[in-house]
Amino acid sequence: MRVIAGIAKGMPLRAPGRGHLRPTSDRVREAIFSSLGDRVIGATVLDLYAGTGALGIEAASRGAARVTFVDDSREALKALRRNLEAFRQGRRIDCELTVVCAPLFAELGKLAKDPGRYTLVLADPPYGATGQALLEQTELPALLAPDGVLVLESGKRDALAAPAPWTVLREAVYGDTRVTTLRAG
């Protein structure tokens, strides 16, 4: 696993031992960021279920202005902090990087007090019903700027129904992973 493009292209990303996480594969990250194009440059990014930080670090490497990583797993956060330390080493970083250790749904309530804050929300929850539960959180749409999007990973067999106010903009399957890009409103 490595950073695909940008100022940290080729930088290896470390993950905790097996069984703790299912990091987004290089192939899937490449597809996500290719579909986002220039939208990442200058973006304010929220990386939910951040794990190793692969998605948020990729965004920072490609020119995001600010990335907030949210996870509640101590093992994941250890790996994330190691990856952020490696990302910062020897590079001039113009991106503000923040790590939040908190249960995700509780943190969404806190973040919603500052609506319209994020232009890009990246979410890679555990496969199963978690993706649908995330879409049903009423605070999540409020976090997005008017032109913001949510990129949600799920298992290809996970049935996702986009409740109001979500609109599906794009959906693609890569191996066992479904990537759905949505807009609120």
Protein backbone atom coordinates (compact mmCIF):
# COMPACT_ATOMS: atom_id res chain seq x y z
CA MET A 1 0.00 0.00 0.00
CA ARG A 2 1.40 3.37 -1.04
CA VAL A 3 0.45 6.96 -1.88
CA ILE A 4 -0.57 6.98 -5.55
CA ALA A 5 0.12 10.58 -6.63
CA GLY A 6 1.08 14.08 -5.56
CA ILE A 7 3.90 15.30 -3.34
CA ALA A 8 4.16 11.98 -1.48
CA LYS A 9 3.82 9.71 -4.53
CA GLY A 10 5.23 6.27 -3.78
CA MET A 11 5.37 6.75 0.01
CA PRO A 12 4.55 3.43 1.71
CA LEU A 13 1.59 3.38 4.09
CA ARG A 14 1.71 1.11 7.11
CA ALA A 15 -1.23 -0.79 8.56
CA PRO A 16 -1.61 -2.63 11.86
CA GLY A 17 -1.44 -6.43 11.88
CA ARG A 18 -4.00 -8.52 10.06
CA GLY A 19 -7.61 -8.48 11.18
CA HIS A 20 -7.65 -4.91 12.48
CA LEU A 21 -8.38 -3.02 9.27
CA ARG A 22 -9.26 -3.39 5.62
CA PRO A 23 -7.36 -0.47 4.09
CA THR A 24 -8.53 0.91 0.76
CA SER A 25 -6.46 -0.77 -1.94
CA ASP A 26 -4.19 1.23 -4.24
CA ARG A 27 -6.44 0.37 -7.20
CA VAL A 28 -9.58 1.67 -5.50
CA ARG A 29 -7.86 4.84 -4.24
CA GLU A 30 -6.53 5.50 -7.74
CA ALA A 31 -10.06 5.14 -9.16
CA ILE A 32 -11.60 7.38 -6.48
CA PHE A 33 -9.11 10.19 -6.96
CA SER A 34 -9.17 9.92 -10.75
CA SER A 35 -12.95 10.39 -10.63
CA LEU A 36 -12.57 13.41 -8.30
CA GLY A 37 -9.94 15.10 -10.48
CA ASP A 38 -9.20 18.72 -9.56
CA ARG A 39 -11.97 18.74 -6.92
CA VAL A 40 -9.29 17.66 -4.40
CA ILE A 41 -7.07 20.73 -4.92
CA GLY A 42 -7.77 23.17 -2.10
CA ALA A 43 -10.48 20.90 -0.65
CA THR A 44 -11.47 20.68 2.98
CA VAL A 45 -11.64 16.93 3.56
CA LEU A 46 -13.22 14.77 6.25
CA ASP A 47 -11.85 11.19 6.34
CA LEU A 48 -14.38 9.08 8.28
CA TYR A 49 -13.36 5.63 9.53
CA ALA A 50 -9.87 6.89 8.70
CA GLY A 51 -8.01 3.71 9.63
CA THR A 52 -4.46 4.06 8.26
CA GLY A 53 -5.32 7.46 6.80
CA ALA A 54 -4.78 6.24 3.24
CA LEU A 55 -7.68 8.24 1.77
CA GLY A 56 -6.99 11.47 3.66
CA ILE A 57 -3.23 11.29 3.07
CA GLU A 58 -3.86 10.74 -0.63
CA ALA A 59 -6.06 13.87 -0.63
CA ALA A 60 -3.35 15.86 1.20
CA SER A 61 -0.70 14.62 -1.21
CA ARG A 62 -2.86 15.80 -4.13
CA GLY A 63 -3.35 19.33 -2.80
CA ALA A 64 -6.16 19.36 -0.24
CA ALA A 65 -6.03 22.41 2.06
CA ARG A 66 -7.25 20.67 5.21
CA VAL A 67 -7.87 17.04 6.19
CA THR A 68 -9.59 15.87 9.37
CA PHE A 69 -9.21 12.16 10.18
CA VAL A 70 -11.81 10.52 12.45
CA ASP A 71 -11.53 7.04 13.93
CA ASP A 72 -12.00 5.46 17.34
CA SER A 73 -9.68 2.46 17.04
CA ARG A 74 -6.44 2.85 18.99
CA GLU A 75 -4.66 0.40 16.66
CA ALA A 76 -5.81 2.32 13.60
CA LEU A 77 -4.83 5.65 15.13
CA LYS A 78 -1.33 4.36 15.91
CA ALA A 79 -0.90 3.40 12.25
CA LEU A 80 -2.43 6.71 11.12
CA ARG A 81 -0.07 8.76 13.28
CA ARG A 82 2.95 6.80 11.97
CA ASN A 83 1.79 7.41 8.40
CA LEU A 84 1.26 11.13 9.05
CA GLU A 85 4.72 11.40 10.58
CA ALA A 86 6.22 9.77 7.47
CA PHE A 87 4.11 12.05 5.26
CA ARG A 88 5.41 15.18 6.97
CA GLN A 89 9.07 14.07 6.91
CA GLY A 90 11.14 15.98 4.39
CA ARG A 91 8.11 17.55 2.70
CA ARG A 92 6.76 21.06 2.73
CA ILE A 93 3.15 20.40 3.71
CA ASP A 94 0.63 23.16 2.98
CA CYS A 95 -2.23 21.05 4.32
CA GLU A 96 -3.62 21.31 7.85
CA LEU A 97 -3.87 17.77 9.24
CA THR A 98 -6.06 16.99 12.29
CA VAL A 99 -6.66 13.62 13.97
CA VAL A 100 -9.80 13.06 16.06
CA CYS A 101 -10.15 9.98 18.25
CA ALA A 102 -13.88 9.62 18.88
CA PRO A 103 -16.85 7.39 18.12
CA LEU A 104 -17.90 8.44 14.65
CA PHE A 105 -21.62 9.12 15.09
CA ALA A 106 -20.98 11.20 18.23
CA GLU A 107 -18.31 13.18 16.36
CA LEU A 108 -20.70 13.90 13.48
CA GLY A 109 -22.97 15.69 15.95
CA LYS A 110 -20.08 17.88 17.11
CA LEU A 111 -18.90 18.61 13.58
CA ALA A 112 -22.43 19.52 12.46
CA LYS A 113 -22.25 22.61 14.69
CA ASP A 114 -20.10 24.11 11.91
CA PRO A 115 -22.25 23.32 8.82
CA GLY A 116 -21.00 23.46 5.25
CA ARG A 117 -17.43 22.96 6.38
CA TYR A 118 -16.27 20.16 4.04
CA THR A 119 -16.05 20.02 0.27
CA LEU A 120 -15.15 16.33 0.32
CA VAL A 121 -16.12 13.60 2.78
CA LEU A 122 -14.39 10.24 2.33
CA ALA A 123 -15.85 7.26 4.22
CA ASP A 124 -14.57 3.69 4.31
CA PRO A 125 -16.68 2.05 7.04
CA PRO A 126 -16.62 -1.65 7.86
CA TYR A 127 -18.54 -3.50 5.17
CA GLY A 128 -22.09 -4.56 6.00
CA ALA A 129 -24.83 -2.31 7.32
CA THR A 130 -22.46 0.46 8.48
CA GLY A 131 -22.52 2.31 5.13
CA GLN A 132 -26.31 2.51 5.18
CA ALA A 133 -26.29 3.62 8.82
CA LEU A 134 -23.85 6.38 7.88
CA LEU A 135 -26.09 7.61 5.04
CA GLU A 136 -28.98 7.79 7.50
CA GLN A 137 -27.14 10.14 9.90
CA THR A 138 -29.01 13.44 9.65
CA GLU A 139 -25.89 15.46 10.59
CA LEU A 140 -23.81 14.22 7.65
CA PRO A 141 -25.45 16.18 4.80
CA ALA A 142 -25.10 19.41 6.81
CA LEU A 143 -21.32 18.97 6.94
CA LEU A 144 -20.99 19.32 3.18
CA ALA A 145 -20.45 22.61 1.41
CA PRO A 146 -23.07 23.32 -1.31
CA ASP A 147 -20.81 21.81 -3.99
CA GLY A 148 -19.44 19.08 -1.68
CA VAL A 149 -19.58 15.34 -2.23
CA LEU A 150 -19.46 12.19 -0.14
CA VAL A 151 -17.43 9.25 -1.44
CA LEU A 152 -18.59 6.08 0.34
CA GLU A 153 -16.94 2.66 0.10
CA SER A 154 -18.97 -0.45 0.79
CA GLY A 155 -18.91 -4.12 -0.08
CA LYS A 156 -20.12 -4.84 -3.59
CA ARG A 157 -22.94 -6.96 -2.13
CA ASP A 158 -23.98 -4.31 0.40
CA ALA A 159 -27.35 -2.89 -0.60
CA LEU A 160 -27.27 0.87 -0.20
CA ALA A 161 -30.39 2.98 -0.54
CA ALA A 162 -29.68 6.71 -0.73
CA PRO A 163 -32.26 8.35 1.56
CA ALA A 164 -33.25 11.99 1.10
CA PRO A 165 -31.43 14.34 0.70
CA TRP A 166 -28.74 12.17 -0.96
CA THR A 167 -28.42 11.89 -4.74
CA VAL A 168 -26.11 9.27 -6.25
CA LEU A 169 -23.74 10.90 -8.75
CA ARG A 170 -21.59 7.90 -9.58
CA GLU A 171 -21.24 4.27 -8.59
CA ALA A 172 -18.57 1.75 -9.59
CA VAL A 173 -17.41 -1.67 -8.43
CA TYR A 174 -13.76 -2.66 -8.13
CA GLY A 175 -13.33 -6.29 -7.06
CA ASP A 176 -15.19 -6.62 -3.75
CA THR A 177 -15.53 -2.85 -3.26
CA ARG A 178 -18.37 -0.57 -4.33
CA VAL A 179 -17.58 3.16 -4.49
CA THR A 180 -20.58 5.49 -4.42
CA THR A 181 -20.26 9.25 -4.88
CA LEU A 182 -23.19 11.25 -3.53
CA ARG A 183 -24.31 14.84 -3.21
CA ALA A 184 -26.70 16.17 -0.57
CA GLY A 185 -29.64 18.04 -2.00
